[in-house]
Amino acid sequence: MRTPNELRLLPWSGPGDKPCYLSTDDPDGIEAVQLGTASELLEEASEGLDNQDTSLDEMRCLVKELTGALRDILRVATSRGRLRATSDPSESAY
């Protein structure tokens, strides 16, 4: 559980490629969207690799999309790790 006004790392960069943070108590649906997108791209990549007719251009496009999704997921993981590191250990769930 987050403490009030705790800063969350957002899944995009600001000017000068600096991290963006959000101060809110509201849950963020962006993370759910990003995780869903990554899951869909992973399934698409598996299908593309299994399909002998997948062109090099299609695979390049898919790799570009996967790279962006992986970047977003790493940012989510970093943000969650910071939240976990700063949260009260007595509030941890088992």
N, C-alpha and C. Protein backbone atom coordinates (compact mmCIF):
# COMPACT_ATOMS: atom_id res chain seq x y z
N MET A 1 0.83 -1.18 0.00
CA MET A 1 0.00 0.00 0.00
C MET A 1 0.88 1.24 0.00
N ARG A 2 0.51 2.20 -0.81
CA ARG A 2 1.27 3.42 -0.90
C ARG A 2 0.89 4.41 0.18
N THR A 3 1.87 5.22 0.56
CA THR A 3 1.59 6.28 1.50
C THR A 3 1.06 7.47 0.71
N PRO A 4 0.25 8.35 1.33
CA PRO A 4 -0.27 9.51 0.63
C PRO A 4 0.87 10.36 0.06
N ASN A 5 0.63 10.87 -1.13
CA ASN A 5 1.57 11.77 -1.82
C ASN A 5 2.91 11.12 -2.15
N GLU A 6 2.97 9.79 -2.18
CA GLU A 6 4.19 9.10 -2.57
C GLU A 6 4.36 9.25 -4.08
N LEU A 7 5.56 9.56 -4.51
CA LEU A 7 5.81 9.74 -5.94
C LEU A 7 5.92 8.39 -6.63
N ARG A 8 5.29 8.30 -7.81
CA ARG A 8 5.37 7.09 -8.65
C ARG A 8 6.08 7.43 -9.94
N LEU A 9 6.97 6.56 -10.35
CA LEU A 9 7.66 6.73 -11.62
C LEU A 9 6.68 6.43 -12.74
N LEU A 10 6.54 7.36 -13.67
CA LEU A 10 5.63 7.17 -14.80
C LEU A 10 6.34 6.42 -15.93
N PRO A 11 5.57 5.78 -16.81
CA PRO A 11 6.16 4.94 -17.85
C PRO A 11 6.64 5.71 -19.08
N TRP A 12 7.02 6.95 -18.92
CA TRP A 12 7.57 7.71 -20.03
C TRP A 12 8.56 8.71 -19.47
N SER A 13 9.37 9.28 -20.34
CA SER A 13 10.36 10.26 -19.92
C SER A 13 9.88 11.66 -20.25
N GLY A 14 10.42 12.60 -19.53
CA GLY A 14 10.10 14.00 -19.77
C GLY A 14 11.17 14.66 -20.62
N PRO A 15 11.16 15.99 -20.66
CA PRO A 15 12.17 16.71 -21.44
C PRO A 15 13.58 16.31 -21.00
N GLY A 16 14.46 16.18 -21.96
CA GLY A 16 15.83 15.77 -21.66
C GLY A 16 15.94 14.33 -21.22
N ASP A 17 14.92 13.53 -21.52
CA ASP A 17 14.89 12.11 -21.17
C ASP A 17 14.96 11.89 -19.66
N LYS A 18 14.46 12.89 -18.89
CA LYS A 18 14.44 12.77 -17.44
C LYS A 18 13.19 12.01 -17.01
N PRO A 19 13.27 11.26 -15.91
CA PRO A 19 12.10 10.51 -15.44
C PRO A 19 10.97 11.45 -15.01
N CYS A 20 9.74 11.00 -15.22
CA CYS A 20 8.56 11.73 -14.79
C CYS A 20 7.95 11.01 -13.59
N TYR A 21 7.48 11.78 -12.63
CA TYR A 21 6.87 11.22 -11.43
C TYR A 21 5.47 11.78 -11.25
N LEU A 22 4.63 11.03 -10.58
CA LEU A 22 3.27 11.42 -10.30
C LEU A 22 3.00 11.29 -8.81
N SER A 23 2.36 12.28 -8.26
CA SER A 23 1.97 12.25 -6.85
C SER A 23 0.46 12.11 -6.80
N THR A 24 -0.03 10.90 -6.44
CA THR A 24 -1.46 10.66 -6.38
C THR A 24 -1.74 9.44 -5.52
N ASP A 25 -2.94 9.37 -5.01
CA ASP A 25 -3.37 8.19 -4.28
C ASP A 25 -4.24 7.29 -5.15
N ASP A 26 -4.57 7.75 -6.36
CA ASP A 26 -5.44 7.00 -7.26
C ASP A 26 -4.65 5.91 -7.97
N PRO A 27 -5.25 4.73 -8.16
CA PRO A 27 -4.57 3.67 -8.91
C PRO A 27 -4.42 4.08 -10.38
N ASP A 28 -3.40 3.57 -11.03
CA ASP A 28 -3.11 3.95 -12.41
C ASP A 28 -3.39 2.79 -13.35
N GLY A 29 -4.29 2.99 -14.30
CA GLY A 29 -4.63 1.96 -15.26
C GLY A 29 -3.60 1.82 -16.37
N ILE A 30 -2.69 2.80 -16.49
CA ILE A 30 -1.67 2.75 -17.54
C ILE A 30 -0.82 1.50 -17.41
N GLU A 31 -0.45 1.13 -16.19
CA GLU A 31 0.38 -0.06 -16.01
C GLU A 31 -0.34 -1.30 -16.52
N ALA A 32 -1.63 -1.40 -16.25
CA ALA A 32 -2.41 -2.55 -16.72
C ALA A 32 -2.43 -2.60 -18.24
N VAL A 33 -2.57 -1.45 -18.86
CA VAL A 33 -2.57 -1.38 -20.33
C VAL A 33 -1.21 -1.82 -20.87
N GLN A 34 -0.15 -1.34 -20.26
CA GLN A 34 1.19 -1.68 -20.74
C GLN A 34 1.48 -3.17 -20.57
N LEU A 35 1.07 -3.74 -19.45
CA LEU A 35 1.26 -5.17 -19.25
C LEU A 35 0.45 -5.98 -20.25
N GLY A 36 -0.77 -5.53 -20.54
CA GLY A 36 -1.60 -6.20 -21.53
C GLY A 36 -1.00 -6.13 -22.92
N THR A 37 -0.48 -4.96 -23.27
CA THR A 37 0.16 -4.78 -24.58
C THR A 37 1.38 -5.70 -24.71
N ALA A 38 2.18 -5.78 -23.66
CA ALA A 38 3.36 -6.65 -23.69
C ALA A 38 2.96 -8.10 -23.86
N SER A 39 1.90 -8.50 -23.18
CA SER A 39 1.42 -9.88 -23.29
C SER A 39 0.96 -10.19 -24.71
N GLU A 40 0.22 -9.27 -25.31
CA GLU A 40 -0.26 -9.45 -26.69
C GLU A 40 0.91 -9.51 -27.66
N LEU A 41 1.91 -8.63 -27.48
CA LEU A 41 3.07 -8.64 -28.37
C LEU A 41 3.88 -9.92 -28.22
N LEU A 42 3.98 -10.42 -27.02
CA LEU A 42 4.70 -11.68 -26.79
C LEU A 42 4.02 -12.83 -27.54
N GLU A 43 2.69 -12.86 -27.48
CA GLU A 43 1.95 -13.90 -28.21
C GLU A 43 2.14 -13.73 -29.72
N GLU A 44 2.09 -12.48 -30.19
CA GLU A 44 2.28 -12.22 -31.61
C GLU A 44 3.68 -12.61 -32.06
N ALA A 45 4.67 -12.36 -31.21
CA ALA A 45 6.05 -12.73 -31.55
C ALA A 45 6.21 -14.24 -31.64
N SER A 46 5.59 -14.95 -30.70
CA SER A 46 5.65 -16.42 -30.73
C SER A 46 5.04 -16.97 -32.01
N GLU A 47 3.90 -16.40 -32.39
CA GLU A 47 3.24 -16.84 -33.63
C GLU A 47 4.10 -16.51 -34.84
N GLY A 48 4.71 -15.31 -34.84
CA GLY A 48 5.55 -14.90 -35.97
C GLY A 48 6.77 -15.78 -36.12
N LEU A 49 7.35 -16.18 -35.00
CA LEU A 49 8.52 -17.05 -35.05
C LEU A 49 8.17 -18.44 -35.54
N ASP A 50 6.97 -18.90 -35.21
CA ASP A 50 6.52 -20.23 -35.65
C ASP A 50 6.10 -20.25 -37.12
N ASN A 51 5.78 -19.09 -37.67
CA ASN A 51 5.29 -18.99 -39.05
C ASN A 51 6.46 -18.78 -40.01
N GLN A 52 6.70 -19.74 -40.87
CA GLN A 52 7.79 -19.66 -41.84
C GLN A 52 7.60 -18.52 -42.85
N ASP A 53 6.34 -18.06 -43.01
CA ASP A 53 6.05 -17.03 -44.01
C ASP A 53 6.18 -15.60 -43.46
N THR A 54 6.55 -15.45 -42.19
CA THR A 54 6.72 -14.11 -41.62
C THR A 54 7.92 -13.45 -42.27
N SER A 55 7.69 -12.25 -42.82
CA SER A 55 8.76 -11.55 -43.53
C SER A 55 9.72 -10.87 -42.56
N LEU A 56 10.89 -10.54 -43.07
CA LEU A 56 11.89 -9.84 -42.29
C LEU A 56 11.36 -8.47 -41.85
N ASP A 57 10.65 -7.77 -42.72
CA ASP A 57 10.07 -6.48 -42.38
C ASP A 57 9.04 -6.60 -41.25
N GLU A 58 8.23 -7.65 -41.32
CA GLU A 58 7.24 -7.88 -40.24
C GLU A 58 7.94 -8.14 -38.91
N MET A 59 9.02 -8.92 -38.95
CA MET A 59 9.75 -9.22 -37.73
C MET A 59 10.45 -7.97 -37.18
N ARG A 60 10.99 -7.15 -38.06
CA ARG A 60 11.63 -5.90 -37.62
C ARG A 60 10.61 -5.00 -36.93
N CYS A 61 9.43 -4.89 -37.50
CA CYS A 61 8.37 -4.08 -36.91
C CYS A 61 7.99 -4.63 -35.54
N LEU A 62 7.86 -5.93 -35.46
CA LEU A 62 7.50 -6.57 -34.20
C LEU A 62 8.60 -6.36 -33.14
N VAL A 63 9.86 -6.48 -33.54
CA VAL A 63 10.96 -6.26 -32.61
C VAL A 63 10.94 -4.82 -32.10
N LYS A 64 10.64 -3.88 -32.97
CA LYS A 64 10.55 -2.48 -32.55
C LYS A 64 9.44 -2.30 -31.52
N GLU A 65 8.28 -2.91 -31.76
CA GLU A 65 7.17 -2.82 -30.82
C GLU A 65 7.50 -3.52 -29.50
N LEU A 66 8.15 -4.68 -29.58
CA LEU A 66 8.55 -5.40 -28.37
C LEU A 66 9.56 -4.60 -27.55
N THR A 67 10.47 -3.93 -28.24
CA THR A 67 11.46 -3.11 -27.55
C THR A 67 10.78 -2.00 -26.75
N GLY A 68 9.80 -1.33 -27.35
CA GLY A 68 9.06 -0.30 -26.65
C GLY A 68 8.28 -0.86 -25.47
N ALA A 69 7.65 -2.02 -25.67
CA ALA A 69 6.89 -2.65 -24.58
C ALA A 69 7.81 -3.07 -23.45
N LEU A 70 8.97 -3.61 -23.78
CA LEU A 70 9.93 -4.01 -22.75
C LEU A 70 10.41 -2.80 -21.97
N ARG A 71 10.65 -1.70 -22.67
CA ARG A 71 11.07 -0.47 -22.00
C ARG A 71 9.99 -0.03 -21.00
N ASP A 72 8.73 -0.08 -21.42
CA ASP A 72 7.62 0.30 -20.53
C ASP A 72 7.53 -0.63 -19.33
N ILE A 73 7.67 -1.93 -19.56
CA ILE A 73 7.56 -2.91 -18.48
C ILE A 73 8.71 -2.76 -17.49
N LEU A 74 9.91 -2.47 -17.97
CA LEU A 74 11.03 -2.24 -17.07
C LEU A 74 10.78 -1.01 -16.21
N ARG A 75 10.16 0.01 -16.79
CA ARG A 75 9.84 1.21 -16.03
C ARG A 75 8.79 0.90 -14.97
N VAL A 76 7.80 0.09 -15.31
CA VAL A 76 6.79 -0.33 -14.33
C VAL A 76 7.47 -1.10 -13.20
N ALA A 77 8.36 -2.03 -13.56
CA ALA A 77 9.05 -2.83 -12.55
C ALA A 77 9.92 -1.94 -11.66
N THR A 78 10.60 -0.98 -12.25
CA THR A 78 11.42 -0.06 -11.48
C THR A 78 10.55 0.74 -10.52
N SER A 79 9.43 1.23 -11.02
CA SER A 79 8.52 2.00 -10.18
C SER A 79 8.00 1.16 -9.03
N ARG A 80 7.57 -0.06 -9.32
CA ARG A 80 7.05 -0.94 -8.27
C ARG A 80 8.14 -1.30 -7.28
N GLY A 81 9.36 -1.48 -7.75
CA GLY A 81 10.47 -1.78 -6.86
C GLY A 81 10.74 -0.64 -5.91
N ARG A 82 10.66 0.57 -6.40
CA ARG A 82 10.84 1.74 -5.53
C ARG A 82 9.73 1.82 -4.52
N LEU A 83 8.51 1.52 -4.96
CA LEU A 83 7.39 1.56 -4.02
C LEU A 83 7.58 0.52 -2.93
N ARG A 84 8.00 -0.67 -3.33
CA ARG A 84 8.21 -1.75 -2.36
C ARG A 84 9.33 -1.39 -1.40
N ALA A 85 10.39 -0.78 -1.91
CA ALA A 85 11.53 -0.43 -1.08
C ALA A 85 11.20 0.67 -0.08
N THR A 86 10.24 1.52 -0.41
CA THR A 86 9.90 2.62 0.48
C THR A 86 8.66 2.34 1.33
N SER A 87 7.98 1.21 1.10
CA SER A 87 6.77 0.92 1.84
C SER A 87 7.12 0.37 3.23
N ASP A 88 6.14 0.39 4.10
CA ASP A 88 6.29 -0.10 5.46
C ASP A 88 6.35 -1.62 5.45
N PRO A 89 7.44 -2.24 5.95
CA PRO A 89 7.55 -3.71 5.93
C PRO A 89 6.41 -4.41 6.66
N SER A 90 5.79 -3.74 7.61
CA SER A 90 4.68 -4.37 8.34
C SER A 90 3.43 -4.50 7.49
N GLU A 91 3.40 -3.79 6.33
CA GLU A 91 2.24 -3.86 5.44
C GLU A 91 2.41 -4.89 4.34
N SER A 92 3.51 -5.62 4.34
CA SER A 92 3.75 -6.58 3.25
C SER A 92 2.76 -7.72 3.34
N ALA A 93 2.34 -8.18 2.15
CA ALA A 93 1.39 -9.30 2.07
C ALA A 93 2.16 -10.60 1.89
N TYR A 94 1.60 -11.65 2.41
CA TYR A 94 2.22 -12.98 2.27
C TYR A 94 1.41 -13.84 1.37
